[in-house]
């Protein structure tokens, strides 16, 4: 991969109290298994980073993290946070402790070597992501342009080879990145996001509720030939709240119809789901996320977070 061709190199500058993350989700071709991997510089959902920021401006590099989740019959969760000494990076490679992601030719290879929470089992393996294709697109999520989203590979082929647990599968995936110069909870109340493939393109809906203005809905289509186009946002549709933590969920649909197929994550401030909704006459299955920053900031949620995230070193 040419450094000049990278939409967002791994060595970008990250402001104190800010963040950058690289996000992958993938679903197996048979639909039975899924995967999420996120590498953070400035772990935005970390109780340790939030506590440090309350004491004063904090270098993002002191709070790096790797989040890896397996969905399906074999389920695993790892969220490990590290200090600045665990971080190594240049334009095409990002390493956090023993895990790293790096570009090899036209593919991104992700090496995972983490320990699960709350049961301390190993989570090790290699994920290869082949974009089809990479896209140059950058969207400011807030009115002040403090937070940006970049869909790097709205469509990709993904090969998963895990050693612990032993898993092998191939599927479709999505790769993006977000970066900002101040905490998410300072500028957002909540958002809902989804990505779906069908009808010859990938559709992404980013429905954001800022603290300083009206709702902003970013609706984009990414054809298989590359590039992107802006769309008119479909009508909002309520989805059932999650069963355990009653996280609110909604999506958008041109027909006004949508349903939840599966709930992958049900947490006090965040939900990840598989849904179906209709966009321009095509019924699509979508990976969907709901995030409440108002809930995230509540003291009782901050007290719960260390049970799902481990801090390693300084």
Protein backbone atom coordinates (compact mmCIF):
# COMPACT_ATOMS: atom_id res chain seq x y z
CA UNK A 1 0.00 0.00 0.00
CA UNK A 2 1.46 3.35 -1.02
CA UNK A 3 1.68 5.82 1.86
CA UNK A 4 0.39 8.52 -0.47
CA UNK A 5 -2.71 6.41 -1.18
CA UNK A 6 -3.74 5.98 2.46
CA UNK A 7 -6.89 7.99 3.29
CA UNK A 8 -5.86 8.12 6.97
CA UNK A 9 -2.27 7.12 7.88
CA UNK A 10 -1.63 5.59 11.28
CA UNK A 11 0.87 8.27 12.29
CA UNK A 12 -1.56 11.21 12.20
CA UNK A 13 -1.27 13.72 15.04
CA UNK A 14 -3.82 13.22 17.85
CA UNK A 15 -4.60 16.21 20.09
CA UNK A 16 -4.54 15.97 23.91
CA UNK A 17 -7.99 14.83 25.13
CA UNK A 18 -8.66 13.76 21.52
CA UNK A 19 -8.77 10.41 19.79
CA UNK A 20 -8.35 8.40 16.63
CA UNK A 21 -9.76 4.95 16.04
CA UNK A 22 -9.80 2.40 13.23
CA UNK A 23 -12.88 0.19 13.15
CA UNK A 24 -13.65 -3.08 11.35
CA UNK A 25 -16.81 -5.12 11.41
CA UNK A 26 -17.36 -8.32 9.44
CA UNK A 27 -20.08 -10.91 9.00
CA UNK A 28 -19.40 -14.46 7.79
CA UNK A 29 -20.81 -15.43 4.40
CA UNK A 30 -23.14 -17.91 6.12
CA UNK A 31 -24.33 -15.22 8.54
CA UNK A 32 -23.57 -17.38 11.57
CA UNK A 33 -20.53 -15.50 12.89
CA UNK A 34 -19.34 -11.92 13.19
CA UNK A 35 -16.37 -9.87 14.31
CA UNK A 36 -15.56 -6.35 15.46
CA UNK A 37 -12.02 -4.97 15.88
CA UNK A 38 -11.19 -1.42 17.01
CA UNK A 39 -7.74 0.09 17.63
CA UNK A 40 -7.80 3.33 19.65
CA UNK A 41 -5.32 6.12 20.24
CA UNK A 42 -7.21 7.92 22.99
CA UNK A 43 -9.67 5.28 24.15
CA UNK A 44 -12.90 7.29 23.99
CA UNK A 45 -14.97 4.89 26.11
CA UNK A 46 -12.29 4.33 28.75
CA UNK A 47 -13.11 5.19 32.38
CA UNK A 48 -9.36 5.65 32.93
CA UNK A 49 -9.04 8.23 30.12
CA UNK A 50 -12.18 10.03 31.34
CA UNK A 51 -10.78 10.18 34.88
CA UNK A 52 -7.43 11.53 33.64
CA UNK A 53 -9.13 14.24 31.55
CA UNK A 54 -10.97 15.51 34.60
CA UNK A 55 -7.58 16.30 36.14
CA UNK A 56 -6.40 18.26 33.10
CA UNK A 57 -5.37 17.90 29.43
CA UNK A 58 -4.17 14.34 28.79
CA UNK A 59 -2.09 12.97 25.89
CA UNK A 60 -4.21 10.53 23.92
CA UNK A 61 -1.19 8.23 23.52
CA UNK A 62 -1.31 7.45 27.25
CA UNK A 63 -4.64 5.68 26.70
CA UNK A 64 -4.39 3.34 23.69
CA UNK A 65 -6.65 0.32 23.45
CA UNK A 66 -7.55 -2.77 21.43
CA UNK A 67 -11.14 -4.01 21.36
CA UNK A 68 -11.83 -7.36 19.69
CA UNK A 69 -15.18 -9.16 19.81
CA UNK A 70 -16.28 -12.47 18.28
CA UNK A 71 -20.01 -13.09 17.76
CA UNK A 72 -21.72 -16.39 17.11
CA UNK A 73 -21.55 -19.85 18.71
CA UNK A 74 -18.06 -19.04 20.02
CA UNK A 75 -18.25 -15.61 21.64
CA UNK A 76 -15.28 -13.69 23.01
CA UNK A 77 -14.73 -10.13 24.28
CA UNK A 78 -11.41 -8.34 24.85
CA UNK A 79 -10.90 -4.67 25.67
CA UNK A 80 -7.33 -3.92 26.74
CA UNK A 81 -5.99 -0.44 27.44
CA UNK A 82 -2.27 0.38 27.44
CA UNK A 83 0.05 3.27 28.17
CA UNK A 84 2.17 5.21 25.70
CA UNK A 85 5.08 2.78 25.93
CA UNK A 86 2.97 0.09 24.26
CA UNK A 87 2.32 2.27 21.18
CA UNK A 88 4.40 2.03 17.99
CA UNK A 89 3.33 3.48 14.69
CA UNK A 90 4.23 4.86 11.30
CA UNK A 91 2.09 5.63 8.28
CA UNK A 92 1.32 2.01 7.35
CA UNK A 93 1.61 0.22 10.70
CA UNK A 94 -0.05 0.68 14.10
CA UNK A 95 1.07 -1.46 17.03
CA UNK A 96 -0.48 -1.55 20.50
CA UNK A 97 1.40 -3.96 22.75
CA UNK A 98 1.36 -7.40 21.05
CA UNK A 99 -1.47 -6.56 18.63
CA UNK A 100 -0.98 -4.57 15.44
CA UNK A 101 -2.46 -3.68 12.08
CA UNK A 102 -0.42 -3.00 8.97
CA UNK A 103 -0.90 -2.63 5.25
CA UNK A 104 0.53 -5.38 3.05
CA UNK A 105 0.04 -4.56 -0.60
CA UNK A 106 -3.67 -3.89 -1.08
CA UNK A 107 -4.75 -5.61 2.16
CA UNK A 108 -4.79 -4.66 5.82
CA UNK A 109 -3.54 -7.41 8.10
CA UNK A 110 -4.68 -7.27 11.73
CA UNK A 111 -2.84 -9.40 14.29
CA UNK A 112 -4.75 -9.87 17.56
CA UNK A 113 -3.02 -11.04 20.74
CA UNK A 114 -5.19 -10.05 23.70
CA UNK A 115 -6.79 -11.45 26.85
CA UNK A 116 -10.54 -11.62 27.26
CA UNK A 117 -12.67 -9.98 29.92
CA UNK A 118 -14.18 -10.81 32.36
CA UNK A 119 -12.99 -14.44 31.96
CA UNK A 120 -9.22 -14.17 31.22
CA UNK A 121 -8.99 -16.41 28.16
CA UNK A 122 -6.57 -15.75 25.28
CA UNK A 123 -7.84 -14.16 22.08
CA UNK A 124 -5.31 -14.60 19.27
CA UNK A 125 -5.47 -14.66 15.52
CA UNK A 126 -5.07 -12.86 12.21
CA UNK A 127 -7.70 -10.98 10.22
CA UNK A 128 -7.01 -9.95 6.62
CA UNK A 129 -9.10 -7.15 5.10
CA UNK A 130 -9.09 -6.53 1.35
CA UNK A 131 -10.93 -3.30 0.44
CA UNK A 132 -13.06 -3.26 -2.73
CA UNK A 133 -11.97 -0.47 -3.04
CA UNK A 134 -10.42 2.16 -0.71
CA UNK A 135 -12.39 5.42 -0.75
CA UNK A 136 -11.39 9.06 -0.22
CA UNK A 137 -14.20 10.50 1.89
CA UNK A 138 -14.11 12.68 5.02
CA UNK A 139 -17.20 13.92 6.85
CA UNK A 140 -17.35 16.42 9.74
CA UNK A 141 -19.85 15.03 12.23
CA UNK A 142 -20.39 18.22 14.23
CA UNK A 143 -20.96 21.88 13.40
CA UNK A 144 -17.56 22.92 14.74
CA UNK A 145 -15.69 20.23 12.75
CA UNK A 146 -14.03 18.85 15.88
CA UNK A 147 -14.97 15.25 14.96
CA UNK A 148 -14.48 13.53 11.61
CA UNK A 149 -15.52 10.21 10.13
CA UNK A 150 -13.74 8.54 7.22
CA UNK A 151 -15.26 5.42 5.61
CA UNK A 152 -12.01 3.91 4.31
CA UNK A 153 -13.39 0.69 2.83
CA UNK A 154 -17.21 0.63 2.85
CA UNK A 155 -17.01 -2.82 1.28
CA UNK A 156 -14.28 -5.39 1.84
CA UNK A 157 -13.58 -9.10 1.82
CA UNK A 158 -12.44 -10.41 5.18
CA UNK A 159 -10.62 -13.60 6.09
CA UNK A 160 -10.59 -14.58 9.79
CA UNK A 161 -8.03 -17.09 11.08
CA UNK A 162 -8.18 -17.37 14.87
CA UNK A 163 -5.93 -19.70 16.89
CA UNK A 164 -7.55 -19.01 20.27
CA UNK A 165 -10.35 -19.86 19.93
CA UNK A 166 -9.85 -22.00 16.81
CA UNK A 167 -11.99 -20.39 14.07
CA UNK A 168 -11.76 -20.03 10.31
CA UNK A 169 -14.22 -18.13 8.15
CA UNK A 170 -14.58 -15.63 5.30
CA UNK A 171 -17.10 -12.88 4.92
CA UNK A 172 -17.92 -9.30 4.02
CA UNK A 173 -16.64 -6.36 6.01
CA UNK A 174 -16.49 -2.62 6.50
CA UNK A 175 -13.49 -0.51 7.56
CA UNK A 176 -13.61 3.11 8.73
CA UNK A 177 -11.87 5.58 11.04
CA UNK A 178 -12.91 8.41 13.32
CA UNK A 179 -10.76 11.14 14.79
CA UNK A 180 -11.37 14.24 16.85
CA UNK A 181 -9.63 16.87 18.95
CA UNK A 182 -11.85 16.65 22.05
CA UNK A 183 -14.00 14.08 23.89
CA UNK A 184 -17.12 12.74 22.18
CA UNK A 185 -19.36 13.44 25.18
CA UNK A 186 -18.51 17.14 25.02
CA UNK A 187 -20.22 17.58 21.63
CA UNK A 188 -22.74 14.73 21.21
CA UNK A 189 -25.77 13.47 23.09
CA UNK A 190 -26.11 10.31 21.00
CA UNK A 191 -25.91 8.77 17.55
CA UNK A 192 -27.16 5.80 15.53
CA UNK A 193 -25.10 4.38 12.67
CA UNK A 194 -25.60 1.57 10.18
CA UNK A 195 -23.98 0.09 7.11
CA UNK A 196 -25.56 -2.31 4.65
CA UNK A 197 -24.69 -3.95 1.33
CA UNK A 198 -27.20 -4.55 -1.48
CA UNK A 199 -28.43 -3.33 -4.82
CA UNK A 200 -24.90 -2.79 -6.13
CA UNK A 201 -23.67 -0.47 -3.39
CA UNK A 202 -22.99 0.01 0.31
CA UNK A 203 -25.24 2.44 2.18
CA UNK A 204 -24.11 4.15 5.36
CA UNK A 205 -26.43 6.18 7.60
CA UNK A 206 -24.85 8.29 10.35
CA UNK A 207 -27.59 9.89 12.44
CA UNK A 208 -26.01 12.30 14.95
CA UNK A 209 -27.59 14.35 17.75
CA UNK A 210 -25.15 17.16 18.69
CA UNK A 211 -25.36 19.16 21.89
CA UNK A 212 -25.24 22.52 20.09
CA UNK A 213 -27.81 22.21 17.34
CA UNK A 214 -30.25 20.15 15.32
CA UNK A 215 -29.88 16.50 14.38
CA UNK A 216 -27.46 15.86 11.49
CA UNK A 217 -28.06 12.86 9.22
CA UNK A 218 -25.31 11.78 6.83
CA UNK A 219 -26.61 9.34 4.20
CA UNK A 220 -24.07 8.06 1.67
CA UNK A 221 -23.97 5.44 -1.07
CA UNK A 222 -20.69 3.77 -2.07
CA UNK A 223 -20.94 1.93 -5.41
CA UNK A 224 -18.73 -1.07 -6.11
CA UNK A 225 -16.90 0.96 -8.77
CA UNK A 226 -15.59 3.42 -6.17
CA UNK A 227 -16.41 6.97 -5.11
CA UNK A 228 -19.56 7.95 -3.26
CA UNK A 229 -22.73 10.02 -3.52
CA UNK A 230 -24.81 11.91 -0.97
CA UNK A 231 -28.40 10.80 -0.50
CA UNK A 232 -31.56 12.23 1.00
CA UNK A 233 -32.00 10.70 4.44
CA UNK A 234 -34.90 8.21 4.62
CA UNK A 235 -37.62 8.55 7.23
CA UNK A 236 -36.79 7.61 10.84
CA UNK A 237 -38.08 4.29 12.20
CA UNK A 238 -38.09 3.27 15.86
CA UNK A 239 -36.59 -0.09 16.79
CA UNK A 240 -37.24 -1.98 20.04
CA UNK A 241 -34.99 -1.01 22.94
CA UNK A 242 -32.47 -3.65 24.00
CA UNK A 243 -33.78 -6.23 26.46
CA UNK A 244 -31.29 -5.84 29.32
CA UNK A 245 -30.18 -2.20 29.48
CA UNK A 246 -33.11 -0.73 27.50
CA UNK A 247 -30.83 1.14 25.12
CA UNK A 248 -32.91 3.12 22.64
CA UNK A 249 -32.45 2.21 18.97
CA UNK A 250 -33.73 3.67 15.72
CA UNK A 251 -32.84 3.52 12.05
CA UNK A 252 -34.13 4.93 8.77
CA UNK A 253 -36.05 3.30 5.96
CA UNK A 254 -37.64 4.51 2.74
CA UNK A 255 -40.68 2.28 3.40
CA UNK A 256 -40.93 3.04 7.12
CA UNK A 257 -40.35 -0.64 7.96
CA UNK A 258 -37.40 -2.15 9.85
CA UNK A 259 -36.71 -4.95 12.31
CA UNK A 260 -33.98 -6.22 14.62
CA UNK A 261 -32.55 -9.59 13.53
CA UNK A 262 -30.07 -10.02 16.38
CA UNK A 263 -28.57 -8.00 19.21
CA UNK A 264 -24.81 -8.48 19.39
CA UNK A 265 -24.04 -6.03 22.20
CA UNK A 266 -26.43 -4.84 24.93
CA UNK A 267 -24.58 -2.51 27.30
CA UNK A 268 -25.59 0.43 29.53
CA UNK A 269 -24.62 3.03 26.89
CA UNK A 270 -24.07 1.16 23.63
CA UNK A 271 -25.78 -1.44 21.45
CA UNK A 272 -24.60 -3.24 18.33
CA UNK A 273 -27.21 -5.14 16.33
CA UNK A 274 -28.05 -6.77 13.02
CA UNK A 275 -31.16 -5.22 11.51
CA UNK A 276 -33.13 -5.29 8.28
CA UNK A 277 -34.48 -2.14 6.66
CA UNK A 278 -35.62 -1.12 3.19
CA UNK A 279 -33.73 1.46 1.16
CA UNK A 280 -35.10 2.40 -2.26
CA UNK A 281 -36.98 -0.85 -2.70
CA UNK A 282 -34.13 -3.13 -1.59
CA UNK A 283 -34.38 -4.98 1.73
CA UNK A 284 -30.94 -4.90 3.29
CA UNK A 285 -29.36 -6.50 6.32
CA UNK A 286 -27.28 -3.93 8.18
CA UNK A 287 -24.80 -3.77 11.03
CA UNK A 288 -26.28 -1.14 13.35
CA UNK A 289 -24.96 0.79 16.35
CA UNK A 290 -26.64 2.98 18.96
CA UNK A 291 -24.57 5.14 21.29
CA UNK A 292 -25.72 7.31 24.20
CA UNK A 293 -23.04 9.71 25.46
CA UNK A 294 -25.47 11.00 28.08
CA UNK A 295 -25.58 7.51 29.56
CA UNK A 296 -21.82 7.06 29.20
CA UNK A 297 -21.15 10.06 31.47
CA UNK A 298 -23.38 8.88 34.31
CA UNK A 299 -21.40 7.93 37.43
CA UNK A 300 -22.99 4.47 37.72
CA UNK A 301 -21.93 3.62 34.14
CA UNK A 302 -18.39 4.85 34.76
CA UNK A 303 -18.24 2.56 37.80
CA UNK A 304 -19.30 -0.45 35.72
CA UNK A 305 -16.84 0.06 32.84
CA UNK A 306 -13.69 -1.30 34.55
CA UNK A 307 -15.38 -4.72 34.77
CA UNK A 308 -15.24 -4.96 30.95
CA UNK A 309 -11.94 -3.15 30.27
CA UNK A 310 -8.52 -3.98 31.66
CA UNK A 311 -5.71 -1.47 32.05
CA UNK A 312 -2.25 -2.92 31.33
CA UNK A 313 0.82 -1.03 32.52
CA UNK A 314 1.26 2.74 32.46
